[in-house]
C-alpha cells in the first residue's frame, strides 16, 4: 500500500511553502502573539505583523506584535533579581 502522498514521496524532504500574505495590520480585536513565550496578547487597535502561508496544503497564520514588546518584557523579567523571602515575624519596609 502506497502513502497518501504517492509512492515517490520522501518524508525527509522539505515541506512545500507558499506565502499568501505578509504584512502589517491593525487589530480589530485582541489576538495572541505567536512569537511570545509568555502567551501575551496583541491588544485591539495595536499594529501587528501577520503572515499567512500554505504549508503542504494547510493554511498557517502567524501574528506577532511589532517591536517585540512582549519579548522585551520577558527578558526584563528574567533579568530582575529574585524577590527577597521574608520570615513570618519580619515586616518588609
PDB file of N, CA and C in Angstrom:
ATOM      1  N   UNK A   1       0.849  -1.183   0.000  1.00  0.00           N
ATOM      2  CA  UNK A   1       0.000   0.000   0.000  1.00  0.00           C
ATOM      3  C   UNK A   1       0.891   1.242   0.000  1.00  0.00           C
ATOM      4  N   UNK A   2       0.631   2.173  -0.908  1.00  0.00           N
ATOM      5  CA  UNK A   2       1.407   3.397  -1.013  1.00  0.00           C
ATOM      6  C   UNK A   2       0.969   4.422   0.019  1.00  0.00           C
ATOM      7  N   UNK A   3       1.760   5.466   0.153  1.00  0.00           N
ATOM      8  CA  UNK A   3       1.401   6.518   1.105  1.00  0.00           C
ATOM      9  C   UNK A   3       0.339   7.434   0.504  1.00  0.00           C
ATOM     10  N   UNK A   4      -0.221   8.302   1.328  1.00  0.00           N
ATOM     11  CA  UNK A   4      -1.246   9.240   0.871  1.00  0.00           C
ATOM     12  C   UNK A   4      -0.692  10.242  -0.128  1.00  0.00           C
ATOM     13  N   UNK A   5       0.623  10.483  -0.080  1.00  0.00           N
ATOM     14  CA  UNK A   5       1.235  11.484  -0.942  1.00  0.00           C
ATOM     15  C   UNK A   5       1.813  10.889  -2.214  1.00  0.00           C
ATOM     16  N   UNK A   6       1.605   9.610  -2.425  1.00  0.00           N
ATOM     17  CA  UNK A   6       2.149   8.946  -3.606  1.00  0.00           C
ATOM     18  C   UNK A   6       3.327   8.063  -3.234  1.00  0.00           C
ATOM     19  N   UNK A   7       3.666   7.171  -4.153  1.00  0.00           N
ATOM     20  CA  UNK A   7       4.743   6.228  -3.882  1.00  0.00           C
ATOM     21  C   UNK A   7       6.117   6.872  -3.898  1.00  0.00           C
ATOM     22  N   UNK A   8       6.252   8.003  -4.573  1.00  0.00           N
ATOM     23  CA  UNK A   8       7.555   8.644  -4.674  1.00  0.00           C
ATOM     24  C   UNK A   8       7.787   9.704  -3.602  1.00  0.00           C
ATOM     25  N   UNK A   9       6.904   9.784  -2.576  1.00  0.00           N
ATOM     26  CA  UNK A   9       7.043  10.792  -1.521  1.00  0.00           C
ATOM     27  C   UNK A   9       8.148  10.403  -0.556  1.00  0.00           C
ATOM     28  N   UNK A  10       9.060  11.337  -0.315  1.00  0.00           N
ATOM     29  CA  UNK A  10      10.142  11.143   0.646  1.00  0.00           C
ATOM     30  C   UNK A  10       9.802  11.932   1.907  1.00  0.00           C
ATOM     31  N   UNK A  11       9.566  11.274   3.072  1.00  0.00           N
ATOM     32  CA  UNK A  11       9.181  12.012   4.283  1.00  0.00           C
ATOM     33  C   UNK A  11      10.263  12.957   4.782  1.00  0.00           C
ATOM     34  N   UNK A  12      11.495  12.825   4.305  1.00  0.00           N
ATOM     35  CA  UNK A  12      12.567  13.702   4.745  1.00  0.00           C
ATOM     36  C   UNK A  12      12.684  14.975   3.922  1.00  0.00           C
ATOM     37  N   UNK A  13      11.902  15.104   2.873  1.00  0.00           N
ATOM     38  CA  UNK A  13      12.024  16.295   2.032  1.00  0.00           C
ATOM     39  C   UNK A  13      11.355  17.497   2.692  1.00  0.00           C
ATOM     40  N   UNK A  14      11.801  18.682   2.308  1.00  0.00           N
ATOM     41  CA  UNK A  14      11.299  19.923   2.895  1.00  0.00           C
ATOM     42  C   UNK A  14       9.834  20.141   2.516  1.00  0.00           C
ATOM     43  N   UNK A  15       9.043  20.750   3.416  1.00  0.00           N
ATOM     44  CA  UNK A  15       7.637  20.999   3.106  1.00  0.00           C
ATOM     45  C   UNK A  15       7.494  22.051   2.010  1.00  0.00           C
ATOM     46  N   UNK A  16       6.412  21.965   1.270  1.00  0.00           N
ATOM     47  CA  UNK A  16       6.104  22.929   0.228  1.00  0.00           C
ATOM     48  C   UNK A  16       5.450  24.139   0.886  1.00  0.00           C
ATOM     49  N   UNK A  17       6.104  25.306   0.837  1.00  0.00           N
ATOM     50  CA  UNK A  17       5.611  26.511   1.497  1.00  0.00           C
ATOM     51  C   UNK A  17       5.338  27.579   0.451  1.00  0.00           C
ATOM     52  N   UNK A  18       4.167  28.184   0.541  1.00  0.00           N
ATOM     53  CA  UNK A  18       3.795  29.284  -0.357  1.00  0.00           C
ATOM     54  C   UNK A  18       3.217  30.407   0.496  1.00  0.00           C
ATOM     55  N   UNK A  19       3.841  31.584   0.457  1.00  0.00           N
ATOM     56  CA  UNK A  19       3.370  32.724   1.236  1.00  0.00           C
ATOM     57  C   UNK A  19       2.235  33.413   0.490  1.00  0.00           C
ATOM     58  N   UNK A  20       1.087  33.524   1.157  1.00  0.00           N
ATOM     59  CA  UNK A  20      -0.066  34.194   0.567  1.00  0.00           C
ATOM     60  C   UNK A  20      -0.129  35.664   0.953  1.00  0.00           C
ATOM     61  N   UNK A  21       0.279  35.982   2.187  1.00  0.00           N
ATOM     62  CA  UNK A  21       0.243  37.362   2.670  1.00  0.00           C
ATOM     63  C   UNK A  21       1.309  37.533   3.740  1.00  0.00           C
ATOM     64  N   UNK A  22       2.003  38.639   3.678  1.00  0.00           N
ATOM     65  CA  UNK A  22       2.954  39.010   4.732  1.00  0.00           C
ATOM     66  C   UNK A  22       2.933  40.527   4.821  1.00  0.00           C
ATOM     67  N   UNK A  23       2.505  41.047   5.950  1.00  0.00           N
ATOM     68  CA  UNK A  23       2.427  42.496   6.117  1.00  0.00           C
ATOM     69  C   UNK A  23       1.977  42.855   7.509  1.00  0.00           C
ATOM     70  N   UNK A  24       1.591  44.114   7.681  1.00  0.00           N
ATOM     71  CA  UNK A  24       1.130  44.594   8.981  1.00  0.00           C
ATOM     72  C   UNK A  24      -0.337  44.971   8.898  1.00  0.00           C
ATOM     73  N   UNK A  25      -1.002  44.838  10.008  1.00  0.00           N
ATOM     74  CA  UNK A  25      -2.409  45.196  10.116  1.00  0.00           C
ATOM     75  C   UNK A  25      -2.659  45.835  11.476  1.00  0.00           C
ATOM     76  N   UNK A  26      -3.843  46.419  11.635  1.00  0.00           N
ATOM     77  CA  UNK A  26      -4.279  46.949  12.927  1.00  0.00           C
ATOM     78  C   UNK A  26      -5.313  45.975  13.483  1.00  0.00           C
ATOM     79  N   UNK A  27      -5.116  45.541  14.717  1.00  0.00           N
ATOM     80  CA  UNK A  27      -6.005  44.554  15.328  1.00  0.00           C
ATOM     81  C   UNK A  27      -7.373  45.159  15.615  1.00  0.00           C
ATOM     82  N   UNK A  28      -8.414  44.515  15.112  1.00  0.00           N
ATOM     83  CA  UNK A  28      -9.778  44.943  15.436  1.00  0.00           C
ATOM     84  C   UNK A  28     -10.222  44.380  16.781  1.00  0.00           C
ATOM     85  N   UNK A  29      -9.621  43.259  17.159  1.00  0.00           N
ATOM     86  CA  UNK A  29      -9.858  42.670  18.487  1.00  0.00           C
ATOM     87  C   UNK A  29      -8.548  42.041  18.938  1.00  0.00           C
ATOM     88  N   UNK A  30      -8.480  41.613  20.165  1.00  0.00           N
ATOM     89  CA  UNK A  30      -7.230  41.073  20.720  1.00  0.00           C
ATOM     90  C   UNK A  30      -6.878  39.735  20.068  1.00  0.00           C
ATOM     91  N   UNK A  31      -5.586  39.526  19.855  1.00  0.00           N
ATOM     92  CA  UNK A  31      -5.054  38.272  19.329  1.00  0.00           C
ATOM     93  C   UNK A  31      -3.927  37.827  20.252  1.00  0.00           C
ATOM     94  N   UNK A  32      -3.599  36.539  20.204  1.00  0.00           N
ATOM     95  CA  UNK A  32      -2.409  36.089  20.918  1.00  0.00           C
ATOM     96  C   UNK A  32      -1.195  36.300  20.025  1.00  0.00           C
ATOM     97  N   UNK A  33      -0.079  36.619  20.628  1.00  0.00           N
ATOM     98  CA  UNK A  33       1.167  36.806  19.894  1.00  0.00           C
ATOM     99  C   UNK A  33       1.822  35.434  19.749  1.00  0.00           C
ATOM    100  N   UNK A  34       1.978  34.975  18.509  1.00  0.00           N
ATOM    101  CA  UNK A  34       2.532  33.641  18.268  1.00  0.00           C
ATOM    102  C   UNK A  34       4.017  33.561  18.568  1.00  0.00           C
ATOM    103  N   UNK A  35       4.709  34.694  18.690  1.00  0.00           N
ATOM    104  CA  UNK A  35       6.139  34.678  18.975  1.00  0.00           C
ATOM    105  C   UNK A  35       6.460  34.890  20.428  1.00  0.00           C
ATOM    106  N   UNK A  36       5.456  34.944  21.287  1.00  0.00           N
ATOM    107  CA  UNK A  36       5.676  35.267  22.694  1.00  0.00           C
ATOM    108  C   UNK A  36       5.764  34.002  23.543  1.00  0.00           C
ATOM    109  N   UNK A  37       6.819  33.852  24.334  1.00  0.00           N
ATOM    110  CA  UNK A  37       6.929  32.673  25.189  1.00  0.00           C
ATOM    111  C   UNK A  37       6.001  32.728  26.395  1.00  0.00           C
ATOM    112  N   UNK A  38       5.388  33.888  26.670  1.00  0.00           N
ATOM    113  CA  UNK A  38       4.550  34.027  27.857  1.00  0.00           C
ATOM    114  C   UNK A  38       3.065  34.131  27.509  1.00  0.00           C
ATOM    115  N   UNK A  39       2.696  33.846  26.252  1.00  0.00           N
ATOM    116  CA  UNK A  39       1.306  33.888  25.785  1.00  0.00           C
ATOM    117  C   UNK A  39       0.642  35.237  26.043  1.00  0.00           C
ATOM    118  N   UNK A  40       1.359  36.313  25.791  1.00  0.00           N
ATOM    119  CA  UNK A  40       0.767  37.640  25.906  1.00  0.00           C
ATOM    120  C   UNK A  40      -0.094  37.902  24.693  1.00  0.00           C
ATOM    121  N   UNK A  41      -0.919  38.923  24.768  1.00  0.00           N
ATOM    122  CA  UNK A  41      -1.817  39.186  23.653  1.00  0.00           C
ATOM    123  C   UNK A  41      -1.504  40.520  22.987  1.00  0.00           C
ATOM    124  N   UNK A  42      -1.973  40.637  21.752  1.00  0.00           N
ATOM    125  CA  UNK A  42      -1.889  41.878  20.994  1.00  0.00           C
ATOM    126  C   UNK A  42      -3.211  42.602  21.246  1.00  0.00           C
ATOM    127  N   UNK A  43      -3.201  43.789  21.857  1.00  0.00           N
ATOM    128  CA  UNK A  43      -4.461  44.462  22.181  1.00  0.00           C
ATOM    129  C   UNK A  43      -5.143  45.024  20.936  1.00  0.00           C
ATOM    130  N   UNK A  44      -6.438  45.237  21.029  1.00  0.00           N
ATOM    131  CA  UNK A  44      -7.192  45.843  19.936  1.00  0.00           C
ATOM    132  C   UNK A  44      -6.655  47.242  19.667  1.00  0.00           C
ATOM    133  N   UNK A  45      -6.520  47.586  18.394  1.00  0.00           N
ATOM    134  CA  UNK A  45      -6.019  48.891  17.999  1.00  0.00           C
ATOM    135  C   UNK A  45      -4.521  48.946  17.808  1.00  0.00           C
ATOM    136  N   UNK A  46      -3.790  47.884  18.187  1.00  0.00           N
ATOM    137  CA  UNK A  46      -2.335  47.861  18.036  1.00  0.00           C
ATOM    138  C   UNK A  46      -1.959  47.297  16.666  1.00  0.00           C
ATOM    139  N   UNK A  47      -0.845  47.768  16.111  1.00  0.00           N
ATOM    140  CA  UNK A  47      -0.345  47.226  14.845  1.00  0.00           C
ATOM    141  C   UNK A  47       0.409  45.929  15.136  1.00  0.00           C
ATOM    142  N   UNK A  48       0.243  44.966  14.250  1.00  0.00           N
ATOM    143  CA  UNK A  48       0.936  43.699  14.402  1.00  0.00           C
ATOM    144  C   UNK A  48       1.309  43.153  13.034  1.00  0.00           C
ATOM    145  N   UNK A  49       2.278  42.271  13.013  1.00  0.00           N
ATOM    146  CA  UNK A  49       2.693  41.615  11.783  1.00  0.00           C
ATOM    147  C   UNK A  49       1.898  40.341  11.594  1.00  0.00           C
ATOM    148  N   UNK A  50       1.512  40.086  10.346  1.00  0.00           N
ATOM    149  CA  UNK A  50       0.724  38.895  10.054  1.00  0.00           C
ATOM    150  C   UNK A  50       1.322  38.192   8.844  1.00  0.00           C
ATOM    151  N   UNK A  51       1.433  36.887   8.928  1.00  0.00           N
ATOM    152  CA  UNK A  51       1.945  36.069   7.843  1.00  0.00           C
ATOM    153  C   UNK A  51       0.976  34.919   7.613  1.00  0.00           C
ATOM    154  N   UNK A  52       0.507  34.781   6.371  1.00  0.00           N
ATOM    155  CA  UNK A  52      -0.390  33.687   6.000  1.00  0.00           C
ATOM    156  C   UNK A  52       0.324  32.851   4.947  1.00  0.00           C
ATOM    157  N   UNK A  53       0.515  31.571   5.232  1.00  0.00           N
ATOM    158  CA  UNK A  53       1.240  30.684   4.322  1.00  0.00           C
ATOM    159  C   UNK A  53       0.471  29.380   4.114  1.00  0.00           C
ATOM    160  N   UNK A  54       0.706  28.761   2.979  1.00  0.00           N
ATOM    161  CA  UNK A  54       0.254  27.392   2.733  1.00  0.00           C
ATOM    162  C   UNK A  54       1.449  26.484   2.957  1.00  0.00           C
ATOM    163  N   UNK A  55       1.341  25.579   3.906  1.00  0.00           N
ATOM    164  CA  UNK A  55       2.415  24.630   4.194  1.00  0.00           C
ATOM    165  C   UNK A  55       1.863  23.239   3.916  1.00  0.00           C
ATOM    166  N   UNK A  56       2.346  22.641   2.842  1.00  0.00           N
ATOM    167  CA  UNK A  56       1.853  21.330   2.395  1.00  0.00           C
ATOM    168  C   UNK A  56       0.340  21.302   2.281  1.00  0.00           C
ATOM    169  N   UNK A  57      -0.249  22.378   1.774  1.00  0.00           N
ATOM    170  CA  UNK A  57      -1.686  22.431   1.534  1.00  0.00           C
ATOM    171  C   UNK A  57      -2.518  22.890   2.721  1.00  0.00           C
ATOM    172  N   UNK A  58      -1.915  23.132   3.866  1.00  0.00           N
ATOM    173  CA  UNK A  58      -2.637  23.594   5.048  1.00  0.00           C
ATOM    174  C   UNK A  58      -2.333  25.066   5.295  1.00  0.00           C
ATOM    175  N   UNK A  59      -3.370  25.840   5.645  1.00  0.00           N
ATOM    176  CA  UNK A  59      -3.206  27.275   5.902  1.00  0.00           C
ATOM    177  C   UNK A  59      -2.567  27.465   7.275  1.00  0.00           C
ATOM    178  N   UNK A  60      -1.532  28.290   7.337  1.00  0.00           N
ATOM    179  CA  UNK A  60      -0.832  28.586   8.581  1.00  0.00           C
ATOM    180  C   UNK A  60      -0.813  30.106   8.755  1.00  0.00           C
ATOM    181  N   UNK A  61      -1.423  30.604   9.836  1.00  0.00           N
ATOM    182  CA  UNK A  61      -1.475  32.046  10.115  1.00  0.00           C
ATOM    183  C   UNK A  61      -0.671  32.314  11.372  1.00  0.00           C
ATOM    184  N   UNK A  62       0.252  33.293  11.301  1.00  0.00           N
ATOM    185  CA  UNK A  62       1.025  33.696  12.470  1.00  0.00           C
ATOM    186  C   UNK A  62       0.874  35.191  12.671  1.00  0.00           C
ATOM    187  N   UNK A  63       0.622  35.583  13.915  1.00  0.00           N
ATOM    188  CA  UNK A  63       0.500  37.001  14.278  1.00  0.00           C
ATOM    189  C   UNK A  63       1.555  37.301  15.341  1.00  0.00           C
ATOM    190  N   UNK A  64       2.319  38.385  15.113  1.00  0.00           N
ATOM    191  CA  UNK A  64       3.344  38.774  16.079  1.00  0.00           C
ATOM    192  C   UNK A  64       3.289  40.272  16.304  1.00  0.00           C
ATOM    193  N   UNK A  65       3.494  40.675  17.560  1.00  0.00           N
ATOM    194  CA  UNK A  65       3.485  42.093  17.869  1.00  0.00           C
ATOM    195  C   UNK A  65       4.696  42.760  17.225  1.00  0.00           C
ATOM    196  N   UNK A  66       4.544  43.989  16.839  1.00  0.00           N
ATOM    197  CA  UNK A  66       5.643  44.733  16.227  1.00  0.00           C
ATOM    198  C   UNK A  66       6.512  45.345  17.312  1.00  0.00           C
ATOM    199  N   UNK A  67       7.778  45.391  17.084  1.00  0.00           N
ATOM    200  CA  UNK A  67       8.697  45.958  18.060  1.00  0.00           C
ATOM    201  C   UNK A  67       9.120  44.967  19.116  1.00  0.00           C
ATOM    202  N   UNK A  68       8.510  43.798  19.144  1.00  0.00           N
ATOM    203  CA  UNK A  68       8.902  42.771  20.095  1.00  0.00           C
ATOM    204  C   UNK A  68       8.702  43.157  21.541  1.00  0.00           C
ATOM    205  N   UNK A  69       7.646  43.920  21.857  1.00  0.00           N
ATOM    206  CA  UNK A  69       7.460  44.368  23.233  1.00  0.00           C
ATOM    207  C   UNK A  69       7.265  43.202  24.182  1.00  0.00           C
ATOM    208  N   UNK A  70       6.613  42.142  23.761  1.00  0.00           N
ATOM    209  CA  UNK A  70       6.420  41.016  24.674  1.00  0.00           C
ATOM    210  C   UNK A  70       7.759  40.336  24.969  1.00  0.00           C
ATOM    211  N   UNK A  71       8.668  40.262  23.973  1.00  0.00           N
ATOM    212  CA  UNK A  71       9.987  39.695  24.215  1.00  0.00           C
ATOM    213  C   UNK A  71      10.792  40.583  25.151  1.00  0.00           C
ATOM    214  N   UNK A  72      10.696  41.906  24.975  1.00  0.00           N
ATOM    215  CA  UNK A  72      11.422  42.824  25.843  1.00  0.00           C
ATOM    216  C   UNK A  72      10.974  42.674  27.288  1.00  0.00           C
ATOM    217  N   UNK A  73       9.676  42.557  27.509  1.00  0.00           N
ATOM    218  CA  UNK A  73       9.165  42.394  28.869  1.00  0.00           C
ATOM    219  C   UNK A  73       9.613  41.062  29.459  1.00  0.00           C
ATOM    220  N   UNK A  74       9.638  40.021  28.630  1.00  0.00           N
ATOM    221  CA  UNK A  74      10.067  38.705  29.108  1.00  0.00           C
ATOM    222  C   UNK A  74      11.537  38.743  29.523  1.00  0.00           C
ATOM    223  N   UNK A  75      12.386  39.368  28.691  1.00  0.00           N
ATOM    224  CA  UNK A  75      13.803  39.451  29.029  1.00  0.00           C
ATOM    225  C   UNK A  75      14.030  40.333  30.254  1.00  0.00           C
ATOM    226  N   UNK A  76      13.232  41.402  30.396  1.00  0.00           N
ATOM    227  CA  UNK A  76      13.361  42.260  31.568  1.00  0.00           C
ATOM    228  C   UNK A  76      12.989  41.494  32.835  1.00  0.00           C
ATOM    229  N   UNK A  77      11.945  40.691  32.755  1.00  0.00           N
ATOM    230  CA  UNK A  77      11.529  39.911  33.916  1.00  0.00           C
ATOM    231  C   UNK A  77      12.601  38.881  34.289  1.00  0.00           C
ATOM    232  N   UNK A  78      13.223  38.294  33.283  1.00  0.00           N
ATOM    233  CA  UNK A  78      14.255  37.292  33.550  1.00  0.00           C
ATOM    234  C   UNK A  78      15.502  37.908  34.165  1.00  0.00           C
ATOM    235  N   UNK A  79      15.771  39.193  33.885  1.00  0.00           N
ATOM    236  CA  UNK A  79      16.982  39.823  34.398  1.00  0.00           C
ATOM    237  C   UNK A  79      16.791  40.464  35.773  1.00  0.00           C
ATOM    238  N   UNK A  80      15.564  40.503  36.292  1.00  0.00           N
ATOM    239  CA  UNK A  80      15.338  41.081  37.621  1.00  0.00           C
ATOM    240  C   UNK A  80      15.921  40.184  38.697  1.00  0.00           C
ATOM    241  N   UNK A  81      16.411  40.774  39.799  1.00  0.00           N
ATOM    242  CA  UNK A  81      16.902  39.936  40.895  1.00  0.00           C
ATOM    243  C   UNK A  81      15.715  39.244  41.572  1.00  0.00           C
ATOM    244  N   UNK A  82      15.965  38.113  42.203  1.00  0.00           N
ATOM    245  CA  UNK A  82      14.865  37.406  42.856  1.00  0.00           C
ATOM    246  C   UNK A  82      14.294  38.220  44.018  1.00  0.00           C
ATOM    247  N   UNK A  83      13.018  38.063  44.265  1.00  0.00           N
ATOM    248  CA  UNK A  83      12.360  38.769  45.365  1.00  0.00           C
ATOM    249  C   UNK A  83      12.867  38.215  46.699  1.00  0.00           C
ATOM    250  N   UNK A  84      13.055  39.085  47.683  1.00  0.00           N
ATOM    251  CA  UNK A  84      13.543  38.586  48.978  1.00  0.00           C
ATOM    252  C   UNK A  84      12.466  37.756  49.669  1.00  0.00           C
ATOM    253  N   UNK A  85      12.923  36.800  50.430  1.00  0.00           N
ATOM    254  CA  UNK A  85      11.983  35.989  51.207  1.00  0.00           C
ATOM    255  C   UNK A  85      11.933  36.554  52.615  1.00  0.00           C
ATOM    256  N   UNK A  86      10.732  36.757  53.103  1.00  0.00           N
ATOM    257  CA  UNK A  86      10.538  37.333  54.429  1.00  0.00           C
ATOM    258  C   UNK A  86      10.063  36.247  55.372  1.00  0.00           C
ATOM    259  N   UNK A  87      10.591  36.279  56.589  1.00  0.00           N
ATOM    260  CA  UNK A  87      10.170  35.337  57.615  1.00  0.00           C
ATOM    261  C   UNK A  87       8.779  35.714  58.144  1.00  0.00           C
ATOM    262  N   UNK A  88       8.163  34.838  58.904  1.00  0.00           N
ATOM    263  CA  UNK A  88       6.814  35.113  59.409  1.00  0.00           C
ATOM    264  C   UNK A  88       6.757  36.311  60.368  1.00  0.00           C
ATOM    265  N   UNK A  89       7.866  36.654  61.055  1.00  0.00           N
ATOM    266  CA  UNK A  89       7.859  37.767  62.003  1.00  0.00           C
ATOM    267  C   UNK A  89       8.577  38.991  61.455  1.00  0.00           C
ATOM    268  N   UNK A  90       8.909  39.030  60.173  1.00  0.00           N
ATOM    269  CA  UNK A  90       9.607  40.158  59.578  1.00  0.00           C
ATOM    270  C   UNK A  90       8.618  41.042  58.828  1.00  0.00           C
ATOM    271  N   UNK A  91       8.812  42.336  58.956  1.00  0.00           N
ATOM    272  CA  UNK A  91       7.956  43.295  58.263  1.00  0.00           C
ATOM    273  C   UNK A  91       8.777  43.927  57.130  1.00  0.00           C
ATOM    274  N   UNK A  92       8.351  43.749  55.887  1.00  0.00           N
ATOM    275  CA  UNK A  92       9.115  44.349  54.784  1.00  0.00           C
ATOM    276  C   UNK A  92       8.832  45.843  54.676  1.00  0.00           C
ATOM    277  N   UNK A  93       9.856  46.668  54.756  1.00  0.00           N
ATOM    278  CA  UNK A  93       9.701  48.122  54.630  1.00  0.00           C
ATOM    279  C   UNK A  93      10.222  48.549  53.311  1.00  0.00           C
TER     280      UNK A  93
END
